[in-house]
């Protein structure tokens, strides 16, 4: 009987501890999946762009907000990439910190 009570109490505390783990970052598993999907699509846009695929562009996605850093060869390339990434389903905002690389 004592074992059953002890196991019940242990399980309740264990569940309480694990349920709090998901809220430490404030992100759910769905948020992570959405961010991963957006990241994959955004990097594909960059890799498939004829002017940007060889440039160093970093993509960061947090809570469906995309931040682009690095270098592009022209404002036209930057505008094209940003507009395509904005069109990805689920993207809230795109912040471009891209710099124009001087030749």
C-alpha atoms as a PDB file:
ATOM      1  CA  UNK A   1       0.000   0.000   0.000  1.00  0.00           C
ATOM      2  CA  UNK A   2       2.813   2.386   0.900  1.00  0.00           C
ATOM      3  CA  UNK A   3       4.501   1.575  -2.403  1.00  0.00           C
ATOM      4  CA  UNK A   4       1.352   2.442  -4.367  1.00  0.00           C
ATOM      5  CA  UNK A   5       1.005   5.808  -2.619  1.00  0.00           C
ATOM      6  CA  UNK A   6       4.703   6.557  -3.097  1.00  0.00           C
ATOM      7  CA  UNK A   7       4.536   5.688  -6.811  1.00  0.00           C
ATOM      8  CA  UNK A   8       1.436   7.859  -7.281  1.00  0.00           C
ATOM      9  CA  UNK A   9       3.085  10.835  -5.593  1.00  0.00           C
ATOM     10  CA  UNK A  10       6.266  10.279  -7.608  1.00  0.00           C
ATOM     11  CA  UNK A  11       4.321  10.159 -10.867  1.00  0.00           C
ATOM     12  CA  UNK A  12       2.399  13.358 -10.056  1.00  0.00           C
ATOM     13  CA  UNK A  13       5.617  15.252  -9.303  1.00  0.00           C
ATOM     14  CA  UNK A  14       7.303  13.801 -12.372  1.00  0.00           C
ATOM     15  CA  UNK A  15       4.473  14.880 -14.653  1.00  0.00           C
ATOM     16  CA  UNK A  16       4.436  18.333 -13.094  1.00  0.00           C
ATOM     17  CA  UNK A  17       8.166  18.707 -13.725  1.00  0.00           C
ATOM     18  CA  UNK A  18       7.973  17.591 -17.357  1.00  0.00           C
ATOM     19  CA  UNK A  19       4.940  19.711 -18.159  1.00  0.00           C
ATOM     20  CA  UNK A  20       6.909  22.807 -17.209  1.00  0.00           C
ATOM     21  CA  UNK A  21       9.758  21.965 -19.588  1.00  0.00           C
ATOM     22  CA  UNK A  22       7.784  22.917 -22.681  1.00  0.00           C
ATOM     23  CA  UNK A  23       7.092  26.396 -21.364  1.00  0.00           C
ATOM     24  CA  UNK A  24      10.676  27.324 -20.477  1.00  0.00           C
ATOM     25  CA  UNK A  25      11.311  28.808 -23.928  1.00  0.00           C
ATOM     26  CA  UNK A  26       7.721  29.812 -24.563  1.00  0.00           C
ATOM     27  CA  UNK A  27       7.732  27.793 -27.784  1.00  0.00           C
ATOM     28  CA  UNK A  28       5.657  24.753 -28.522  1.00  0.00           C
ATOM     29  CA  UNK A  29       6.641  21.853 -30.745  1.00  0.00           C
ATOM     30  CA  UNK A  30       4.415  23.332 -33.448  1.00  0.00           C
ATOM     31  CA  UNK A  31       6.351  26.609 -33.295  1.00  0.00           C
ATOM     32  CA  UNK A  32       9.620  24.756 -33.779  1.00  0.00           C
ATOM     33  CA  UNK A  33       8.228  22.837 -36.757  1.00  0.00           C
ATOM     34  CA  UNK A  34       6.905  26.036 -38.335  1.00  0.00           C
ATOM     35  CA  UNK A  35      10.271  27.761 -37.852  1.00  0.00           C
ATOM     36  CA  UNK A  36      12.089  24.765 -39.340  1.00  0.00           C
ATOM     37  CA  UNK A  37       9.803  24.713 -42.338  1.00  0.00           C
ATOM     38  CA  UNK A  38      10.224  28.445 -42.920  1.00  0.00           C
ATOM     39  CA  UNK A  39      14.008  28.121 -42.544  1.00  0.00           C
ATOM     40  CA  UNK A  40      14.136  25.292 -45.086  1.00  0.00           C
ATOM     41  CA  UNK A  41      12.027  27.196 -47.608  1.00  0.00           C
ATOM     42  CA  UNK A  42      13.984  30.439 -47.118  1.00  0.00           C
ATOM     43  CA  UNK A  43      17.354  28.759 -47.606  1.00  0.00           C
ATOM     44  CA  UNK A  44      15.994  27.018 -50.714  1.00  0.00           C
ATOM     45  CA  UNK A  45      15.009  30.413 -52.121  1.00  0.00           C
ATOM     46  CA  UNK A  46      18.536  31.690 -51.553  1.00  0.00           C
ATOM     47  CA  UNK A  47      20.219  28.576 -52.965  1.00  0.00           C
ATOM     48  CA  UNK A  48      18.021  28.657 -56.075  1.00  0.00           C
ATOM     49  CA  UNK A  49      18.461  32.391 -56.706  1.00  0.00           C
ATOM     50  CA  UNK A  50      20.808  32.917 -59.684  1.00  0.00           C
ATOM     51  CA  UNK A  51      22.559  35.877 -58.039  1.00  0.00           C
ATOM     52  CA  UNK A  52      22.525  34.875 -54.384  1.00  0.00           C
ATOM     53  CA  UNK A  53      23.297  31.145 -54.288  1.00  0.00           C
ATOM     54  CA  UNK A  54      27.054  31.720 -54.086  1.00  0.00           C
ATOM     55  CA  UNK A  55      26.851  34.549 -51.540  1.00  0.00           C
ATOM     56  CA  UNK A  56      27.084  34.195 -47.771  1.00  0.00           C
ATOM     57  CA  UNK A  57      23.585  34.800 -46.410  1.00  0.00           C
ATOM     58  CA  UNK A  58      22.538  33.611 -42.955  1.00  0.00           C
ATOM     59  CA  UNK A  59      18.885  32.892 -42.196  1.00  0.00           C
ATOM     60  CA  UNK A  60      17.506  32.952 -38.652  1.00  0.00           C
ATOM     61  CA  UNK A  61      13.864  32.136 -37.891  1.00  0.00           C
ATOM     62  CA  UNK A  62      12.280  32.697 -34.484  1.00  0.00           C
ATOM     63  CA  UNK A  63       8.527  32.558 -33.932  1.00  0.00           C
ATOM     64  CA  UNK A  64       7.882  32.875 -37.682  1.00  0.00           C
ATOM     65  CA  UNK A  65      10.024  36.020 -37.932  1.00  0.00           C
ATOM     66  CA  UNK A  66      12.912  35.824 -40.411  1.00  0.00           C
ATOM     67  CA  UNK A  67      16.175  37.745 -40.079  1.00  0.00           C
ATOM     68  CA  UNK A  68      18.617  37.808 -42.996  1.00  0.00           C
ATOM     69  CA  UNK A  69      22.263  38.737 -42.482  1.00  0.00           C
ATOM     70  CA  UNK A  70      25.238  38.703 -44.799  1.00  0.00           C
ATOM     71  CA  UNK A  71      26.029  40.129 -48.205  1.00  0.00           C
ATOM     72  CA  UNK A  72      24.317  40.431 -51.576  1.00  0.00           C
ATOM     73  CA  UNK A  73      25.615  41.861 -54.831  1.00  0.00           C
ATOM     74  CA  UNK A  74      22.842  44.398 -55.465  1.00  0.00           C
ATOM     75  CA  UNK A  75      19.721  45.989 -54.003  1.00  0.00           C
ATOM     76  CA  UNK A  76      17.688  44.172 -56.664  1.00  0.00           C
ATOM     77  CA  UNK A  77      18.920  40.802 -55.380  1.00  0.00           C
ATOM     78  CA  UNK A  78      18.079  41.785 -51.805  1.00  0.00           C
ATOM     79  CA  UNK A  79      14.570  42.947 -52.760  1.00  0.00           C
ATOM     80  CA  UNK A  80      13.882  39.785 -54.780  1.00  0.00           C
ATOM     81  CA  UNK A  81      14.982  37.469 -51.943  1.00  0.00           C
ATOM     82  CA  UNK A  82      13.083  39.411 -49.269  1.00  0.00           C
ATOM     83  CA  UNK A  83       9.866  39.470 -51.302  1.00  0.00           C
ATOM     84  CA  UNK A  84      10.045  35.724 -52.007  1.00  0.00           C
ATOM     85  CA  UNK A  85      10.661  34.930 -48.333  1.00  0.00           C
ATOM     86  CA  UNK A  86       7.760  37.196 -47.287  1.00  0.00           C
ATOM     87  CA  UNK A  87       5.519  35.089 -49.529  1.00  0.00           C
ATOM     88  CA  UNK A  88       6.298  31.886 -47.578  1.00  0.00           C
ATOM     89  CA  UNK A  89       3.199  30.674 -45.770  1.00  0.00           C
ATOM     90  CA  UNK A  90       3.446  31.433 -42.042  1.00  0.00           C
ATOM     91  CA  UNK A  91       6.088  34.181 -42.211  1.00  0.00           C
ATOM     92  CA  UNK A  92       5.105  37.149 -40.035  1.00  0.00           C
ATOM     93  CA  UNK A  93       7.986  39.512 -40.797  1.00  0.00           C
ATOM     94  CA  UNK A  94      11.273  39.596 -42.682  1.00  0.00           C
ATOM     95  CA  UNK A  95      14.050  41.803 -41.348  1.00  0.00           C
ATOM     96  CA  UNK A  96      16.867  42.301 -43.822  1.00  0.00           C
ATOM     97  CA  UNK A  97      20.262  43.171 -42.383  1.00  0.00           C
ATOM     98  CA  UNK A  98      21.886  42.345 -45.704  1.00  0.00           C
ATOM     99  CA  UNK A  99      24.709  44.556 -46.919  1.00  0.00           C
ATOM    100  CA  UNK A 100      25.539  45.340 -50.520  1.00  0.00           C
ATOM    101  CA  UNK A 101      28.905  43.855 -51.401  1.00  0.00           C
ATOM    102  CA  UNK A 102      31.094  46.281 -53.325  1.00  0.00           C
ATOM    103  CA  UNK A 103      32.881  44.801 -56.319  1.00  0.00           C
END
